[in-house]
């Protein structure tokens, strides 16, 4: 029995590492996680390499990890949106730091935008929060997702107007919204220019699986005290598109048949 004890202890420590990485959601380096749970860094690297090889963890970037495809198969209740959210968190956290902005991930649920992820060091300065819902017609993420709806569904939404004005810039007529959604669909992104809060600007792009309409959207914004400039909007758009592509690449590891 004594001869078997070390391997059992090693397994328990590896499971502790697996749990810690999953709970961390890809925000921290492996060294930081190892220190937190008091495992030697060298041991942590050996554990993670084994877990990654077995498919229980996936390497994201910069030495960070999230739950792997084999683990996903063990959790059959996870939806596509759950997977998108999981792989998006570390990517959006990094993006928020690079742009000094607040970054969101959202989906369209019952004609409302549901905020699933909110990242950024100054995120407390913006009224949004995880789990909250906002009207789609006046938000950048909402317009991206509305523009990608099948025409019948999009027209059904537009016909539900007029839409309440939240600021003097809010689109309130169905005809104006229809025209803007055509533009959004053509250019591949949407901007909220003071339509929810007067001095708040936001830009969003969709996350689209091949051949499918956007199932989620990501956005960049900043607190109203330091609204995004035109130059920052342009820079953010480029980085948002890169981030959306990276998220899709990672999602494909979970959704493509092995």
Protein backbone atom coordinates (compact mmCIF):
# COMPACT_ATOMS: atom_id res chain seq x y z
CA UNK A 1 0.00 0.00 0.00
CA UNK A 2 2.79 2.44 0.85
CA UNK A 3 4.30 1.97 -2.58
CA UNK A 4 1.04 3.19 -4.19
CA UNK A 5 0.58 6.24 -1.98
CA UNK A 6 2.85 8.68 -3.92
CA UNK A 7 0.95 8.15 -7.18
CA UNK A 8 -2.37 8.84 -5.41
CA UNK A 9 -0.98 12.04 -3.90
CA UNK A 10 0.31 13.09 -7.32
CA UNK A 11 -3.12 12.51 -8.84
CA UNK A 12 -4.81 14.58 -6.16
CA UNK A 13 -2.35 17.42 -6.69
CA UNK A 14 -2.88 17.24 -10.46
CA UNK A 15 -6.65 17.45 -9.93
CA UNK A 16 -6.11 20.45 -7.65
CA UNK A 17 -4.16 22.09 -10.48
CA UNK A 18 -6.86 21.23 -13.03
CA UNK A 19 -9.57 22.70 -10.80
CA UNK A 20 -7.54 25.85 -10.13
CA UNK A 21 -6.93 26.46 -13.84
CA UNK A 22 -10.59 25.96 -14.73
CA UNK A 23 -11.69 28.35 -11.98
CA UNK A 24 -9.09 30.91 -13.06
CA UNK A 25 -10.70 31.04 -16.55
CA UNK A 26 -7.38 31.69 -18.29
CA UNK A 27 -6.60 34.97 -16.54
CA UNK A 28 -3.40 34.03 -14.69
CA UNK A 29 -0.09 32.49 -15.65
CA UNK A 30 0.64 28.92 -14.67
CA UNK A 31 3.34 30.11 -12.25
CA UNK A 32 0.85 32.39 -10.49
CA UNK A 33 -1.67 29.57 -10.12
CA UNK A 34 1.02 27.22 -8.81
CA UNK A 35 2.00 29.74 -6.14
CA UNK A 36 -1.63 30.24 -5.17
CA UNK A 37 -2.24 26.53 -4.53
CA UNK A 38 1.30 26.00 -3.20
CA UNK A 39 2.58 23.60 -5.84
CA UNK A 40 6.18 23.93 -7.09
CA UNK A 41 6.27 25.59 -10.50
CA UNK A 42 8.26 22.76 -12.06
CA UNK A 43 5.70 20.25 -10.78
CA UNK A 44 2.86 22.41 -12.10
CA UNK A 45 4.40 22.46 -15.57
CA UNK A 46 4.73 18.67 -15.62
CA UNK A 47 1.13 18.25 -14.46
CA UNK A 48 -0.25 20.68 -17.02
CA UNK A 49 1.71 19.17 -19.90
CA UNK A 50 0.23 15.76 -19.03
CA UNK A 51 -3.28 17.21 -18.67
CA UNK A 52 -2.92 19.05 -21.97
CA UNK A 53 -1.64 15.94 -23.75
CA UNK A 54 -4.64 14.01 -22.42
CA UNK A 55 -7.02 16.70 -23.69
CA UNK A 56 -8.19 17.96 -20.30
CA UNK A 57 -6.58 21.40 -20.78
CA UNK A 58 -5.96 23.61 -23.80
CA UNK A 59 -3.19 26.18 -24.16
CA UNK A 60 -4.59 29.61 -25.01
CA UNK A 61 -1.61 31.98 -25.25
CA UNK A 62 1.16 33.50 -23.15
CA UNK A 63 1.42 30.38 -21.00
CA UNK A 64 -2.24 30.38 -19.97
CA UNK A 65 -4.67 27.47 -20.08
CA UNK A 66 -8.40 26.73 -20.08
CA UNK A 67 -10.52 23.60 -19.95
CA UNK A 68 -9.73 21.17 -22.81
CA UNK A 69 -11.94 19.38 -25.37
CA UNK A 70 -11.82 16.00 -23.61
CA UNK A 71 -13.08 17.65 -20.43
CA UNK A 72 -15.83 19.31 -22.42
CA UNK A 73 -17.05 15.92 -23.61
CA UNK A 74 -17.44 14.98 -19.96
CA UNK A 75 -19.72 17.99 -19.41
CA UNK A 76 -22.41 17.45 -22.00
CA UNK A 77 -24.60 20.26 -20.69
CA UNK A 78 -22.24 22.91 -22.09
CA UNK A 79 -23.70 24.86 -25.01
CA UNK A 80 -21.87 26.58 -27.85
CA UNK A 81 -22.27 29.89 -26.03
CA UNK A 82 -20.73 28.36 -22.90
CA UNK A 83 -17.68 27.35 -24.94
CA UNK A 84 -17.44 30.77 -26.60
CA UNK A 85 -17.63 32.48 -23.22
CA UNK A 86 -15.00 30.18 -21.74
CA UNK A 87 -12.38 30.70 -24.44
CA UNK A 88 -13.24 34.41 -24.82
CA UNK A 89 -12.58 35.48 -21.23
CA UNK A 90 -8.74 35.43 -21.30
CA UNK A 91 -8.69 36.90 -24.82
CA UNK A 92 -11.01 39.75 -23.89
CA UNK A 93 -9.19 40.36 -20.63
CA UNK A 94 -5.96 40.81 -22.57
CA UNK A 95 -7.69 43.03 -25.14
CA UNK A 96 -9.13 45.26 -22.41
CA UNK A 97 -5.65 45.75 -20.99
CA UNK A 98 -4.11 46.59 -24.36
CA UNK A 99 -6.76 49.17 -25.22
CA UNK A 100 -7.35 50.46 -21.68
CA UNK A 101 -11.02 49.90 -22.35
CA UNK A 102 -13.95 47.83 -21.17
CA UNK A 103 -14.70 44.77 -23.30
CA UNK A 104 -17.97 42.83 -23.38
CA UNK A 105 -19.28 39.59 -24.81
CA UNK A 106 -23.03 39.38 -25.34
CA UNK A 107 -25.80 37.35 -26.98
CA UNK A 108 -29.28 38.14 -28.26
CA UNK A 109 -31.95 36.60 -26.02
CA UNK A 110 -35.66 37.38 -26.52
CA UNK A 111 -34.83 40.61 -28.38
CA UNK A 112 -32.53 41.77 -25.58
CA UNK A 113 -28.75 41.77 -25.29
CA UNK A 114 -27.49 39.62 -22.41
CA UNK A 115 -24.04 40.59 -21.13
CA UNK A 116 -22.05 37.40 -20.46
CA UNK A 117 -18.52 38.79 -20.03
CA UNK A 118 -17.21 42.14 -18.82
CA UNK A 119 -13.46 42.71 -18.66
CA UNK A 120 -11.33 45.76 -17.94
CA UNK A 121 -9.47 47.34 -15.03
CA UNK A 122 -11.92 50.27 -14.90
CA UNK A 123 -15.02 48.15 -15.46
CA UNK A 124 -16.66 49.36 -12.26
CA UNK A 125 -16.98 52.79 -13.87
CA UNK A 126 -19.50 51.51 -16.44
CA UNK A 127 -23.07 50.58 -15.53
CA UNK A 128 -23.06 47.22 -17.34
CA UNK A 129 -22.54 43.95 -15.47
CA UNK A 130 -22.53 40.24 -16.19
CA UNK A 131 -26.01 38.82 -16.54
CA UNK A 132 -27.80 42.11 -17.15
CA UNK A 133 -29.89 42.77 -20.24
CA UNK A 134 -30.24 45.89 -22.40
CA UNK A 135 -32.32 46.78 -25.42
CA UNK A 136 -30.72 45.63 -28.67
CA UNK A 137 -31.72 48.50 -30.97
CA UNK A 138 -29.52 51.09 -29.24
CA UNK A 139 -26.42 49.04 -28.43
CA UNK A 140 -23.48 48.17 -30.70
CA UNK A 141 -23.61 44.46 -29.88
CA UNK A 142 -27.37 44.48 -30.34
CA UNK A 143 -27.19 46.05 -33.78
CA UNK A 144 -24.53 43.56 -34.91
CA UNK A 145 -26.69 40.63 -33.86
CA UNK A 146 -29.94 42.12 -35.19
CA UNK A 147 -28.28 42.78 -38.55
CA UNK A 148 -27.30 39.11 -38.81
CA UNK A 149 -30.78 37.75 -38.11
CA UNK A 150 -32.68 36.05 -40.95
CA UNK A 151 -34.68 38.71 -42.80
CA UNK A 152 -38.04 37.47 -41.48
CA UNK A 153 -36.85 37.66 -37.85
CA UNK A 154 -35.16 41.02 -38.41
CA UNK A 155 -38.31 42.54 -39.93
CA UNK A 156 -40.40 41.13 -37.10
CA UNK A 157 -38.15 42.92 -34.62
CA UNK A 158 -38.22 46.19 -36.59
CA UNK A 159 -42.01 46.07 -36.80
CA UNK A 160 -42.17 46.01 -32.98
CA UNK A 161 -41.14 49.70 -32.92
CA UNK A 162 -41.25 52.63 -32.37
CA UNK A 163 -38.41 52.42 -29.89
CA UNK A 164 -38.06 54.55 -26.75
CA UNK A 165 -35.41 57.27 -26.88
CA UNK A 166 -32.74 56.93 -24.20
CA UNK A 167 -30.77 59.94 -25.48
CA UNK A 168 -31.25 62.46 -28.28
CA UNK A 169 -29.18 60.18 -30.54
CA UNK A 170 -31.22 57.02 -30.02
CA UNK A 171 -32.81 55.57 -33.14
CA UNK A 172 -36.55 55.48 -32.52
CA UNK A 173 -38.13 54.68 -35.91
CA UNK A 174 -38.24 51.29 -37.58
CA UNK A 175 -37.24 52.77 -40.95
CA UNK A 176 -34.11 54.39 -39.52
CA UNK A 177 -33.19 51.18 -37.71
CA UNK A 178 -33.69 49.15 -40.89
CA UNK A 179 -31.34 51.46 -42.79
CA UNK A 180 -28.69 51.31 -40.08
CA UNK A 181 -28.86 47.51 -39.89
CA UNK A 182 -28.28 47.36 -43.65
CA UNK A 183 -25.13 49.44 -43.13
CA UNK A 184 -24.01 47.25 -40.22
CA UNK A 185 -24.53 44.10 -42.27
CA UNK A 186 -22.52 45.59 -45.14
CA UNK A 187 -19.57 46.89 -43.10
CA UNK A 188 -19.43 44.05 -40.56
CA UNK A 189 -19.47 46.14 -37.40
CA UNK A 190 -21.72 48.49 -35.43
CA UNK A 191 -21.20 51.62 -33.37
CA UNK A 192 -23.24 52.96 -30.48
CA UNK A 193 -22.48 56.68 -30.57
CA UNK A 194 -24.20 58.02 -27.49
CA UNK A 195 -27.45 56.09 -28.02
CA UNK A 196 -27.62 54.56 -24.54
CA UNK A 197 -25.66 57.16 -22.58
CA UNK A 198 -25.01 60.53 -24.18
CA UNK A 199 -21.21 60.58 -24.05
CA UNK A 200 -20.55 56.84 -24.24
CA UNK A 201 -19.20 55.32 -27.47
CA UNK A 202 -18.95 51.61 -28.22
CA UNK A 203 -17.96 49.47 -31.22
CA UNK A 204 -18.83 45.80 -31.74
CA UNK A 205 -18.27 42.91 -34.14
CA UNK A 206 -19.97 39.54 -34.37
CA UNK A 207 -18.66 36.06 -33.69
CA UNK A 208 -19.78 33.87 -36.60
CA UNK A 209 -19.25 30.19 -37.17
CA UNK A 210 -18.70 29.38 -40.87
CA UNK A 211 -21.94 29.67 -42.81
CA UNK A 212 -23.91 30.79 -39.76
CA UNK A 213 -25.24 34.17 -38.54
CA UNK A 214 -23.48 35.76 -35.60
CA UNK A 215 -24.31 33.88 -32.40
CA UNK A 216 -22.52 36.36 -30.11
CA UNK A 217 -20.80 39.73 -30.29
CA UNK A 218 -17.85 41.42 -28.62
CA UNK A 219 -17.51 45.13 -28.01
CA UNK A 220 -15.08 47.78 -26.81
CA UNK A 221 -16.17 50.85 -24.88
CA UNK A 222 -14.92 53.22 -22.24
CA UNK A 223 -16.52 55.02 -19.32
CA UNK A 224 -18.27 58.21 -20.29
CA UNK A 225 -15.63 60.37 -18.59
CA UNK A 226 -13.09 59.36 -21.28
CA UNK A 227 -15.10 58.42 -24.36
CA UNK A 228 -13.42 56.66 -27.30
CA UNK A 229 -11.97 58.96 -29.97
CA UNK A 230 -12.36 58.28 -33.71
CA UNK A 231 -8.77 57.02 -33.86
CA UNK A 232 -9.36 54.70 -30.90
CA UNK A 233 -12.53 53.40 -32.55
CA UNK A 234 -10.51 52.49 -35.66
CA UNK A 235 -7.79 50.78 -33.60
CA UNK A 236 -10.38 48.93 -31.52
CA UNK A 237 -12.16 47.65 -34.64
CA UNK A 238 -8.99 46.03 -35.94
CA UNK A 239 -8.21 44.38 -32.61
CA UNK A 240 -11.82 43.28 -32.13
CA UNK A 241 -11.72 41.47 -35.46
CA UNK A 242 -8.45 39.76 -34.56
CA UNK A 243 -9.91 38.72 -31.19
CA UNK A 244 -13.09 37.39 -32.82
CA UNK A 245 -11.02 35.27 -35.22
CA UNK A 246 -8.92 33.94 -32.35
CA UNK A 247 -12.04 33.01 -30.37
CA UNK A 248 -13.43 31.17 -33.40
CA UNK A 249 -10.17 29.30 -33.90
CA UNK A 250 -10.27 28.10 -30.30
CA UNK A 251 -13.98 27.26 -30.40
CA UNK A 252 -13.34 25.05 -33.43
CA UNK A 253 -11.14 22.81 -31.25
CA UNK A 254 -14.21 22.00 -29.18
CA UNK A 255 -16.89 21.85 -31.87
CA UNK A 256 -15.09 20.10 -34.74
CA UNK A 257 -15.31 16.29 -34.70
CA UNK A 258 -12.07 14.61 -33.65
